[in-house]
Amino acid sequence: MHRLTRLSRFNFTIALSSTPDFVIDWDLTWFSLNSEPQHDASFTRAHASSHHTFKFKLFLEDLPTLEHLKRIRPDLYIDILLCRSCLDSKEDFMHLFMCKCRRIAMEQILLSYQHHFINKLQEAGDLVKKDPSLIINKFKSLPCWSFSSSNWTSYSLVRGCLPKSFVEFFEELSIPRNSAMKTR
């Protein structure tokens, strides 16, 4: 994993060094990438497989942006690599998330993830008979929940790089690390 994170596509993690609340937990990130999502009648094994593939493509910056496609097949793509949604910026991997036309959708994804995690913290608090309110407030104040082009924590969260503090919140509720890592 350490050799993988030295690839140039992970240079954004250097920008996170100024954010002490968002230190990437590579063990948790790797565990999350390798774990299969729960599936039921509406989320079949085929959907789970596609989801798993997508998580890795997202993590490795391997989604088919115009910039990426142009590098692979320069003869097929014209030199204008503007985003088809906003027509303002070059469609590279970063713009895929930061495009003003996708902003609401990205904020909804982050909010949905935040609500899911808060529910898990409340369940953990009920399980150990502790009030998780203070922990939930700390969780809500993490910088990763505000989405902007200057906020590398939200970008890294969307890519699947999870912070150490996510597990630490459960540990504050006396939930062991191994159990906390399985919370998704």
N, C-alpha and C. Protein backbone atom coordinates (compact mmCIF):
# COMPACT_ATOMS: atom_id res chain seq x y z
N MET A 1 0.83 -1.19 0.00
CA MET A 1 0.00 0.00 0.00
C MET A 1 0.87 1.26 0.00
N HIS A 2 1.98 1.20 0.75
CA HIS A 2 2.84 2.38 0.84
C HIS A 2 3.41 2.74 -0.54
N ARG A 3 3.83 1.74 -1.32
CA ARG A 3 4.36 2.01 -2.67
C ARG A 3 3.27 2.59 -3.57
N LEU A 4 2.06 2.11 -3.41
CA LEU A 4 0.94 2.61 -4.20
C LEU A 4 0.69 4.09 -3.93
N THR A 5 0.78 4.50 -2.68
CA THR A 5 0.50 5.90 -2.33
C THR A 5 1.60 6.86 -2.77
N ARG A 6 2.74 6.33 -3.21
CA ARG A 6 3.80 7.20 -3.72
C ARG A 6 3.60 7.57 -5.19
N LEU A 7 2.58 7.02 -5.83
CA LEU A 7 2.29 7.37 -7.22
C LEU A 7 1.86 8.83 -7.30
N SER A 8 2.11 9.45 -8.44
CA SER A 8 1.80 10.88 -8.60
C SER A 8 0.32 11.18 -8.41
N ARG A 9 -0.54 10.22 -8.67
CA ARG A 9 -1.98 10.46 -8.49
C ARG A 9 -2.37 10.68 -7.03
N PHE A 10 -1.47 10.39 -6.11
CA PHE A 10 -1.74 10.62 -4.69
C PHE A 10 -1.02 11.84 -4.15
N ASN A 11 -0.52 12.70 -5.03
CA ASN A 11 0.15 13.93 -4.59
C ASN A 11 -0.78 14.85 -3.82
N PHE A 12 -2.09 14.73 -4.04
CA PHE A 12 -3.04 15.57 -3.32
C PHE A 12 -2.95 15.36 -1.81
N THR A 13 -2.44 14.22 -1.37
CA THR A 13 -2.34 13.97 0.07
C THR A 13 -1.37 14.92 0.75
N ILE A 14 -0.44 15.48 -0.02
CA ILE A 14 0.49 16.48 0.54
C ILE A 14 -0.28 17.71 0.98
N ALA A 15 -1.32 18.08 0.22
CA ALA A 15 -2.14 19.25 0.57
C ALA A 15 -2.91 19.02 1.87
N LEU A 16 -3.08 17.76 2.25
CA LEU A 16 -3.81 17.45 3.48
C LEU A 16 -2.96 17.61 4.73
N SER A 17 -1.65 17.74 4.56
CA SER A 17 -0.77 17.81 5.73
C SER A 17 -1.03 19.03 6.60
N SER A 18 -1.66 20.06 6.03
CA SER A 18 -1.98 21.25 6.82
C SER A 18 -3.32 21.10 7.56
N THR A 19 -3.97 19.95 7.41
CA THR A 19 -5.26 19.71 8.04
C THR A 19 -5.12 18.57 9.05
N PRO A 20 -4.81 18.88 10.31
CA PRO A 20 -4.57 17.82 11.28
C PRO A 20 -5.79 16.94 11.57
N ASP A 21 -7.00 17.45 11.30
CA ASP A 21 -8.21 16.66 11.53
C ASP A 21 -8.44 15.61 10.45
N PHE A 22 -7.64 15.67 9.40
CA PHE A 22 -7.87 14.74 8.29
C PHE A 22 -6.56 14.04 7.90
N VAL A 23 -6.10 13.16 8.78
CA VAL A 23 -4.94 12.34 8.49
C VAL A 23 -5.48 11.03 7.92
N ILE A 24 -5.03 10.68 6.73
CA ILE A 24 -5.59 9.49 6.07
C ILE A 24 -5.16 8.23 6.81
N ASP A 25 -6.13 7.39 7.07
CA ASP A 25 -5.91 6.09 7.68
C ASP A 25 -5.84 5.09 6.53
N TRP A 26 -4.63 4.75 6.09
CA TRP A 26 -4.49 3.89 4.90
C TRP A 26 -5.00 2.48 5.16
N ASP A 27 -4.89 1.99 6.40
CA ASP A 27 -5.43 0.66 6.71
C ASP A 27 -6.95 0.65 6.55
N LEU A 28 -7.60 1.68 7.07
CA LEU A 28 -9.05 1.80 6.95
C LEU A 28 -9.45 1.98 5.49
N THR A 29 -8.71 2.81 4.77
CA THR A 29 -9.00 3.04 3.35
C THR A 29 -8.90 1.74 2.57
N TRP A 30 -7.83 1.00 2.79
CA TRP A 30 -7.63 -0.26 2.08
C TRP A 30 -8.71 -1.27 2.47
N PHE A 31 -9.05 -1.33 3.75
CA PHE A 31 -10.11 -2.22 4.22
C PHE A 31 -11.43 -1.87 3.52
N SER A 32 -11.73 -0.59 3.45
CA SER A 32 -12.97 -0.13 2.82
C SER A 32 -12.99 -0.46 1.32
N LEU A 33 -11.86 -0.27 0.65
CA LEU A 33 -11.80 -0.59 -0.78
C LEU A 33 -11.98 -2.08 -1.04
N ASN A 34 -11.46 -2.90 -0.17
CA ASN A 34 -11.53 -4.34 -0.37
C ASN A 34 -12.82 -4.97 0.10
N SER A 35 -13.56 -4.29 0.95
CA SER A 35 -14.79 -4.88 1.47
C SER A 35 -15.91 -4.74 0.44
N GLU A 36 -16.69 -5.78 0.34
CA GLU A 36 -17.81 -5.76 -0.59
C GLU A 36 -19.02 -5.14 0.09
N PRO A 37 -19.79 -4.35 -0.66
CA PRO A 37 -20.99 -3.75 -0.07
C PRO A 37 -22.04 -4.82 0.21
N GLN A 38 -22.89 -4.52 1.16
CA GLN A 38 -24.01 -5.41 1.45
C GLN A 38 -24.93 -5.41 0.25
N HIS A 39 -25.48 -6.54 -0.12
CA HIS A 39 -26.42 -6.54 -1.23
C HIS A 39 -27.68 -7.31 -0.85
N ASP A 40 -28.79 -6.85 -1.41
CA ASP A 40 -30.08 -7.47 -1.19
C ASP A 40 -30.73 -7.66 -2.56
N ALA A 41 -32.05 -7.83 -2.59
CA ALA A 41 -32.75 -8.07 -3.86
C ALA A 41 -32.56 -6.92 -4.85
N SER A 42 -32.47 -5.69 -4.34
CA SER A 42 -32.32 -4.54 -5.24
C SER A 42 -30.86 -4.27 -5.61
N PHE A 43 -29.94 -4.82 -4.85
CA PHE A 43 -28.51 -4.60 -5.09
C PHE A 43 -27.87 -5.97 -5.26
N THR A 44 -27.92 -6.49 -6.48
CA THR A 44 -27.48 -7.85 -6.77
C THR A 44 -25.96 -7.98 -6.71
N ARG A 45 -25.49 -9.21 -6.84
CA ARG A 45 -24.06 -9.46 -6.85
C ARG A 45 -23.39 -8.75 -8.03
N ALA A 46 -24.07 -8.67 -9.17
CA ALA A 46 -23.52 -7.95 -10.33
C ALA A 46 -23.37 -6.47 -10.02
N HIS A 47 -24.38 -5.89 -9.34
CA HIS A 47 -24.29 -4.49 -8.93
C HIS A 47 -23.12 -4.31 -7.95
N ALA A 48 -22.98 -5.25 -7.04
CA ALA A 48 -21.90 -5.17 -6.05
C ALA A 48 -20.55 -5.22 -6.74
N SER A 49 -20.43 -6.06 -7.76
CA SER A 49 -19.18 -6.16 -8.50
C SER A 49 -18.87 -4.85 -9.23
N SER A 50 -19.88 -4.27 -9.86
CA SER A 50 -19.70 -2.98 -10.55
C SER A 50 -19.32 -1.89 -9.56
N HIS A 51 -19.96 -1.91 -8.40
CA HIS A 51 -19.68 -0.93 -7.35
C HIS A 51 -18.23 -1.06 -6.89
N HIS A 52 -17.79 -2.28 -6.68
CA HIS A 52 -16.43 -2.55 -6.23
C HIS A 52 -15.42 -2.05 -7.27
N THR A 53 -15.67 -2.33 -8.54
CA THR A 53 -14.80 -1.86 -9.63
C THR A 53 -14.76 -0.35 -9.67
N PHE A 54 -15.92 0.28 -9.52
CA PHE A 54 -15.99 1.74 -9.55
C PHE A 54 -15.17 2.35 -8.41
N LYS A 55 -15.26 1.76 -7.20
CA LYS A 55 -14.50 2.28 -6.06
C LYS A 55 -13.01 2.30 -6.37
N PHE A 56 -12.50 1.23 -6.97
CA PHE A 56 -11.08 1.18 -7.30
C PHE A 56 -10.71 2.15 -8.41
N LYS A 57 -11.57 2.28 -9.41
CA LYS A 57 -11.29 3.24 -10.49
C LYS A 57 -11.28 4.66 -9.93
N LEU A 58 -12.18 4.95 -9.04
CA LEU A 58 -12.23 6.26 -8.40
C LEU A 58 -10.97 6.50 -7.57
N PHE A 59 -10.61 5.52 -6.78
CA PHE A 59 -9.43 5.62 -5.92
C PHE A 59 -8.15 5.81 -6.75
N LEU A 60 -8.06 5.13 -7.87
CA LEU A 60 -6.86 5.17 -8.70
C LEU A 60 -6.92 6.20 -9.82
N GLU A 61 -7.91 7.07 -9.78
CA GLU A 61 -8.09 8.11 -10.81
C GLU A 61 -8.15 7.49 -12.20
N ASP A 62 -8.93 6.46 -12.35
CA ASP A 62 -8.99 5.75 -13.62
C ASP A 62 -10.36 5.88 -14.28
N LEU A 63 -11.11 6.91 -13.93
CA LEU A 63 -12.41 7.14 -14.57
C LEU A 63 -12.19 7.78 -15.94
N PRO A 64 -13.06 7.51 -16.90
CA PRO A 64 -12.84 8.00 -18.27
C PRO A 64 -13.19 9.48 -18.47
N THR A 65 -12.34 10.36 -18.00
CA THR A 65 -12.54 11.79 -18.26
C THR A 65 -12.06 12.08 -19.69
N LEU A 66 -12.44 13.22 -20.23
CA LEU A 66 -11.99 13.57 -21.58
C LEU A 66 -10.47 13.62 -21.66
N GLU A 67 -9.84 14.16 -20.62
CA GLU A 67 -8.38 14.24 -20.60
C GLU A 67 -7.77 12.84 -20.66
N HIS A 68 -8.33 11.92 -19.89
CA HIS A 68 -7.84 10.54 -19.85
C HIS A 68 -8.04 9.86 -21.21
N LEU A 69 -9.22 10.03 -21.79
CA LEU A 69 -9.52 9.41 -23.08
C LEU A 69 -8.62 9.95 -24.19
N LYS A 70 -8.33 11.24 -24.13
CA LYS A 70 -7.46 11.87 -25.13
C LYS A 70 -6.05 11.28 -25.05
N ARG A 71 -5.56 11.01 -23.85
CA ARG A 71 -4.24 10.41 -23.71
C ARG A 71 -4.20 8.99 -24.28
N ILE A 72 -5.30 8.26 -24.09
CA ILE A 72 -5.35 6.88 -24.56
C ILE A 72 -5.49 6.81 -26.08
N ARG A 73 -6.38 7.63 -26.63
CA ARG A 73 -6.65 7.62 -28.08
C ARG A 73 -6.65 9.04 -28.63
N PRO A 74 -5.47 9.64 -28.81
CA PRO A 74 -5.40 11.02 -29.29
C PRO A 74 -6.01 11.22 -30.67
N ASP A 75 -6.06 10.16 -31.47
CA ASP A 75 -6.63 10.27 -32.81
C ASP A 75 -8.15 10.40 -32.80
N LEU A 76 -8.80 9.97 -31.73
CA LEU A 76 -10.27 10.00 -31.66
C LEU A 76 -10.84 11.27 -31.05
N TYR A 77 -10.07 11.94 -30.21
CA TYR A 77 -10.60 13.06 -29.46
C TYR A 77 -9.96 14.37 -29.90
N ILE A 78 -10.80 15.36 -30.12
CA ILE A 78 -10.29 16.67 -30.54
C ILE A 78 -9.56 17.33 -29.38
N ASP A 79 -8.85 18.39 -29.68
CA ASP A 79 -8.04 19.05 -28.65
C ASP A 79 -8.85 19.82 -27.63
N ILE A 80 -10.11 20.06 -27.91
CA ILE A 80 -10.96 20.79 -26.96
C ILE A 80 -11.45 19.79 -25.92
N LEU A 81 -10.92 19.90 -24.74
CA LEU A 81 -11.26 18.95 -23.67
C LEU A 81 -12.14 19.60 -22.61
N LEU A 82 -12.98 20.53 -23.04
CA LEU A 82 -13.83 21.21 -22.08
C LEU A 82 -14.90 20.27 -21.54
N CYS A 83 -15.21 20.47 -20.29
CA CYS A 83 -16.26 19.72 -19.63
C CYS A 83 -17.57 19.91 -20.40
N ARG A 84 -18.26 18.84 -20.68
CA ARG A 84 -19.52 18.91 -21.43
C ARG A 84 -20.67 19.45 -20.57
N SER A 85 -20.48 19.52 -19.29
CA SER A 85 -21.53 20.05 -18.41
C SER A 85 -21.48 21.56 -18.29
N CYS A 86 -20.28 22.11 -18.07
CA CYS A 86 -20.17 23.56 -17.84
C CYS A 86 -19.53 24.32 -18.99
N LEU A 87 -18.78 23.63 -19.83
CA LEU A 87 -18.07 24.24 -20.96
C LEU A 87 -17.11 25.34 -20.54
N ASP A 88 -16.68 25.33 -19.28
CA ASP A 88 -15.77 26.35 -18.74
C ASP A 88 -14.35 25.84 -18.53
N SER A 89 -14.22 24.60 -18.11
CA SER A 89 -12.92 24.09 -17.68
C SER A 89 -12.59 22.78 -18.39
N LYS A 90 -11.31 22.48 -18.39
CA LYS A 90 -10.86 21.21 -18.94
C LYS A 90 -11.40 20.08 -18.05
N GLU A 91 -11.91 19.02 -18.67
CA GLU A 91 -12.47 17.92 -17.88
C GLU A 91 -11.35 16.95 -17.51
N ASP A 92 -10.73 17.22 -16.38
CA ASP A 92 -9.75 16.30 -15.83
C ASP A 92 -10.38 15.65 -14.60
N PHE A 93 -9.61 14.84 -13.92
CA PHE A 93 -10.16 14.09 -12.80
C PHE A 93 -10.67 15.00 -11.69
N MET A 94 -9.91 16.04 -11.38
CA MET A 94 -10.31 16.97 -10.32
C MET A 94 -11.60 17.70 -10.70
N HIS A 95 -11.69 18.12 -11.95
CA HIS A 95 -12.88 18.85 -12.38
C HIS A 95 -14.13 17.97 -12.35
N LEU A 96 -13.94 16.69 -12.51
CA LEU A 96 -15.06 15.76 -12.45
C LEU A 96 -15.87 15.95 -11.17
N PHE A 97 -15.17 16.29 -10.08
CA PHE A 97 -15.82 16.49 -8.79
C PHE A 97 -16.15 17.95 -8.50
N MET A 98 -15.35 18.84 -9.03
CA MET A 98 -15.49 20.25 -8.67
C MET A 98 -16.35 21.06 -9.65
N CYS A 99 -16.82 20.46 -10.70
CA CYS A 99 -17.63 21.17 -11.69
C CYS A 99 -18.84 21.80 -11.02
N LYS A 100 -19.08 23.07 -11.32
CA LYS A 100 -20.21 23.78 -10.69
C LYS A 100 -21.54 23.14 -11.05
N CYS A 101 -21.62 22.45 -12.19
CA CYS A 101 -22.87 21.80 -12.59
C CYS A 101 -23.12 20.51 -11.82
N ARG A 102 -22.11 19.98 -11.18
CA ARG A 102 -22.26 18.74 -10.40
C ARG A 102 -22.20 19.01 -8.90
N ARG A 103 -22.05 20.24 -8.52
CA ARG A 103 -21.84 20.61 -7.12
C ARG A 103 -22.95 20.11 -6.20
N ILE A 104 -24.20 20.32 -6.59
CA ILE A 104 -25.32 19.91 -5.74
C ILE A 104 -25.31 18.40 -5.54
N ALA A 105 -25.06 17.66 -6.61
CA ALA A 105 -25.02 16.20 -6.50
C ALA A 105 -23.89 15.76 -5.57
N MET A 106 -22.73 16.39 -5.69
CA MET A 106 -21.61 16.02 -4.83
C MET A 106 -21.90 16.35 -3.36
N GLU A 107 -22.52 17.50 -3.12
CA GLU A 107 -22.88 17.86 -1.75
C GLU A 107 -23.90 16.87 -1.18
N GLN A 108 -24.83 16.41 -2.02
CA GLN A 108 -25.82 15.43 -1.57
C GLN A 108 -25.16 14.10 -1.21
N ILE A 109 -24.16 13.71 -2.00
CA ILE A 109 -23.44 12.47 -1.71
C ILE A 109 -22.73 12.58 -0.36
N LEU A 110 -22.04 13.70 -0.15
CA LEU A 110 -21.34 13.90 1.13
C LEU A 110 -22.32 13.95 2.30
N LEU A 111 -23.44 14.64 2.11
CA LEU A 111 -24.45 14.73 3.17
C LEU A 111 -25.04 13.36 3.48
N SER A 112 -25.29 12.57 2.46
CA SER A 112 -25.82 11.23 2.65
C SER A 112 -24.83 10.37 3.44
N TYR A 113 -23.56 10.48 3.09
CA TYR A 113 -22.53 9.73 3.80
C TYR A 113 -22.43 10.19 5.25
N GLN A 114 -22.53 11.50 5.46
CA GLN A 114 -22.48 12.05 6.81
C GLN A 114 -23.65 11.52 7.65
N HIS A 115 -24.85 11.53 7.09
CA HIS A 115 -26.03 11.03 7.81
C HIS A 115 -25.88 9.54 8.14
N HIS A 116 -25.38 8.78 7.19
CA HIS A 116 -25.17 7.35 7.42
C HIS A 116 -24.21 7.13 8.59
N PHE A 117 -23.12 7.88 8.58
CA PHE A 117 -22.12 7.73 9.63
C PHE A 117 -22.67 8.18 10.98
N ILE A 118 -23.44 9.26 10.99
CA ILE A 118 -24.04 9.73 12.24
C ILE A 118 -24.98 8.67 12.81
N ASN A 119 -25.77 8.03 11.94
CA ASN A 119 -26.66 6.95 12.39
C ASN A 119 -25.85 5.82 13.02
N LYS A 120 -24.71 5.49 12.41
CA LYS A 120 -23.85 4.43 12.96
C LYS A 120 -23.27 4.84 14.32
N LEU A 121 -22.90 6.12 14.47
CA LEU A 121 -22.41 6.61 15.76
C LEU A 121 -23.51 6.55 16.82
N GLN A 122 -24.74 6.90 16.43
CA GLN A 122 -25.86 6.83 17.38
C GLN A 122 -26.14 5.39 17.78
N GLU A 123 -26.10 4.47 16.83
CA GLU A 123 -26.29 3.05 17.14
C GLU A 123 -25.20 2.55 18.09
N ALA A 124 -23.96 2.96 17.83
CA ALA A 124 -22.85 2.56 18.70
C ALA A 124 -23.04 3.14 20.10
N GLY A 125 -23.49 4.39 20.18
CA GLY A 125 -23.74 5.02 21.48
C GLY A 125 -24.83 4.28 22.25
N ASP A 126 -25.89 3.89 21.55
CA ASP A 126 -26.97 3.12 22.18
C ASP A 126 -26.46 1.77 22.67
N LEU A 127 -25.60 1.16 21.86
CA LEU A 127 -25.07 -0.15 22.19
C LEU A 127 -24.26 -0.14 23.48
N VAL A 128 -23.47 0.90 23.68
CA VAL A 128 -22.63 0.98 24.89
C VAL A 128 -23.24 1.90 25.95
N LYS A 129 -24.46 2.35 25.69
CA LYS A 129 -25.20 3.20 26.63
C LYS A 129 -24.43 4.48 26.98
N LYS A 130 -23.93 5.16 25.92
CA LYS A 130 -23.26 6.45 26.07
C LYS A 130 -23.92 7.44 25.13
N ASP A 131 -23.95 8.69 25.55
CA ASP A 131 -24.50 9.74 24.70
C ASP A 131 -23.43 10.18 23.69
N PRO A 132 -23.69 9.97 22.38
CA PRO A 132 -22.68 10.31 21.37
C PRO A 132 -22.76 11.76 20.87
N SER A 133 -23.55 12.61 21.51
CA SER A 133 -23.78 13.98 21.01
C SER A 133 -22.50 14.77 20.79
N LEU A 134 -21.59 14.75 21.76
CA LEU A 134 -20.33 15.50 21.61
C LEU A 134 -19.49 14.96 20.46
N ILE A 135 -19.46 13.65 20.35
CA ILE A 135 -18.69 13.03 19.27
C ILE A 135 -19.31 13.37 17.92
N ILE A 136 -20.63 13.34 17.84
CA ILE A 136 -21.32 13.68 16.59
C ILE A 136 -21.05 15.13 16.21
N ASN A 137 -21.04 16.02 17.19
CA ASN A 137 -20.73 17.43 16.90
C ASN A 137 -19.30 17.59 16.37
N LYS A 138 -18.35 16.85 16.96
CA LYS A 138 -16.97 16.88 16.45
C LYS A 138 -16.92 16.33 15.03
N PHE A 139 -17.68 15.27 14.81
CA PHE A 139 -17.72 14.65 13.49
C PHE A 139 -18.26 15.62 12.44
N LYS A 140 -19.33 16.33 12.79
CA LYS A 140 -19.94 17.29 11.86
C LYS A 140 -19.01 18.47 11.57
N SER A 141 -18.09 18.75 12.50
CA SER A 141 -17.20 19.90 12.30
C SER A 141 -15.95 19.57 11.48
N LEU A 142 -15.79 18.31 11.07
CA LEU A 142 -14.64 17.96 10.24
C LEU A 142 -14.68 18.76 8.93
N PRO A 143 -13.53 19.15 8.42
CA PRO A 143 -13.49 19.97 7.21
C PRO A 143 -13.95 19.25 5.94
N CYS A 144 -14.03 17.94 5.97
CA CYS A 144 -14.37 17.19 4.75
C CYS A 144 -15.82 17.37 4.31
N TRP A 145 -16.68 17.96 5.14
CA TRP A 145 -18.10 18.08 4.79
C TRP A 145 -18.43 19.32 3.98
N SER A 146 -17.51 20.25 3.85
CA SER A 146 -17.76 21.42 2.99
C SER A 146 -17.01 21.21 1.68
N PHE A 147 -17.73 21.28 0.60
CA PHE A 147 -17.18 20.93 -0.71
C PHE A 147 -16.77 22.18 -1.46
N SER A 148 -15.46 22.30 -1.74
CA SER A 148 -14.97 23.42 -2.55
C SER A 148 -13.65 23.02 -3.20
N SER A 149 -13.26 23.79 -4.21
CA SER A 149 -12.03 23.45 -4.94
C SER A 149 -10.78 23.61 -4.08
N SER A 150 -10.87 24.36 -3.01
CA SER A 150 -9.70 24.53 -2.14
C SER A 150 -9.70 23.56 -0.96
N ASN A 151 -10.74 22.74 -0.86
CA ASN A 151 -10.86 21.81 0.26
C ASN A 151 -10.46 20.40 -0.19
N TRP A 152 -9.23 20.05 0.04
CA TRP A 152 -8.72 18.75 -0.38
C TRP A 152 -9.29 17.61 0.46
N THR A 153 -9.80 17.90 1.64
CA THR A 153 -10.33 16.83 2.48
C THR A 153 -11.60 16.25 1.87
N SER A 154 -12.48 17.09 1.34
CA SER A 154 -13.70 16.57 0.72
C SER A 154 -13.35 15.78 -0.54
N TYR A 155 -12.38 16.27 -1.30
CA TYR A 155 -11.93 15.56 -2.50
C TYR A 155 -11.38 14.19 -2.14
N SER A 156 -10.56 14.12 -1.10
CA SER A 156 -9.98 12.83 -0.73
C SER A 156 -11.04 11.89 -0.17
N LEU A 157 -12.03 12.42 0.53
CA LEU A 157 -13.11 11.59 1.05
C LEU A 157 -13.91 10.98 -0.10
N VAL A 158 -14.23 11.78 -1.11
CA VAL A 158 -14.97 11.28 -2.26
C VAL A 158 -14.16 10.21 -2.99
N ARG A 159 -12.86 10.37 -3.04
CA ARG A 159 -12.00 9.38 -3.70
C ARG A 159 -11.90 8.08 -2.90
N GLY A 160 -12.28 8.12 -1.64
CA GLY A 160 -12.24 6.91 -0.84
C GLY A 160 -11.15 6.86 0.20
N CYS A 161 -10.40 7.95 0.36
CA CYS A 161 -9.35 8.02 1.38
C CYS A 161 -9.99 8.46 2.69
N LEU A 162 -10.03 7.57 3.65
CA LEU A 162 -10.76 7.83 4.89
C LEU A 162 -9.82 8.28 6.00
N PRO A 163 -10.27 9.25 6.81
CA PRO A 163 -9.41 9.78 7.88
C PRO A 163 -9.39 8.89 9.12
N LYS A 164 -8.31 8.98 9.87
CA LYS A 164 -8.16 8.24 11.12
C LYS A 164 -9.27 8.60 12.11
N SER A 165 -9.71 9.84 12.07
CA SER A 165 -10.71 10.29 13.04
C SER A 165 -12.02 9.52 12.92
N PHE A 166 -12.34 8.96 11.74
CA PHE A 166 -13.59 8.21 11.60
C PHE A 166 -13.62 7.03 12.58
N VAL A 167 -12.54 6.30 12.68
CA VAL A 167 -12.47 5.17 13.60
C VAL A 167 -12.32 5.68 15.03
N GLU A 168 -11.57 6.76 15.21
CA GLU A 168 -11.35 7.30 16.56
C GLU A 168 -12.66 7.72 17.22
N PHE A 169 -13.63 8.18 16.45
CA PHE A 169 -14.93 8.54 17.03
C PHE A 169 -15.58 7.32 17.67
N PHE A 170 -15.49 6.17 17.01
CA PHE A 170 -16.06 4.95 17.59
C PHE A 170 -15.25 4.49 18.79
N GLU A 171 -13.94 4.66 18.73
CA GLU A 171 -13.09 4.27 19.86
C GLU A 171 -13.41 5.11 21.09
N GLU A 172 -13.81 6.37 20.88
CA GLU A 172 -14.23 7.21 22.00
C GLU A 172 -15.49 6.66 22.67
N LEU A 173 -16.27 5.90 21.91
CA LEU A 173 -17.46 5.25 22.46
C LEU A 173 -17.15 3.84 22.96
N SER A 174 -15.87 3.52 23.11
CA SER A 174 -15.40 2.22 23.59
C SER A 174 -15.69 1.08 22.62
N ILE A 175 -15.82 1.39 21.34
CA ILE A 175 -15.99 0.35 20.31
C ILE A 175 -14.59 0.00 19.80
N PRO A 176 -14.21 -1.28 19.82
CA PRO A 176 -12.87 -1.66 19.37
C PRO A 176 -12.61 -1.28 17.90
N ARG A 177 -11.36 -1.00 17.59
CA ARG A 177 -10.98 -0.57 16.23
C ARG A 177 -11.46 -1.54 15.15
N ASN A 178 -11.27 -2.84 15.37
CA ASN A 178 -11.68 -3.82 14.35
C ASN A 178 -13.17 -3.76 14.07
N SER A 179 -13.97 -3.57 15.10
CA SER A 179 -15.42 -3.44 14.91
C SER A 179 -15.76 -2.13 14.24
N ALA A 180 -15.06 -1.07 14.63
CA ALA A 180 -15.32 0.25 14.05
C ALA A 180 -14.98 0.28 12.57
N MET A 181 -13.92 -0.42 12.16
CA MET A 181 -13.54 -0.44 10.75
C MET A 181 -14.60 -1.11 9.89
N LYS A 182 -15.38 -2.01 10.47
CA LYS A 182 -16.41 -2.71 9.70
C LYS A 182 -17.67 -1.88 9.52
N THR A 183 -17.73 -0.72 10.16
CA THR A 183 -18.88 0.17 10.05
C THR A 183 -18.83 0.86 8.71
N ARG A 184 -19.84 0.63 7.89
CA ARG A 184 -19.88 1.29 6.58
C ARG A 184 -21.26 1.83 6.35
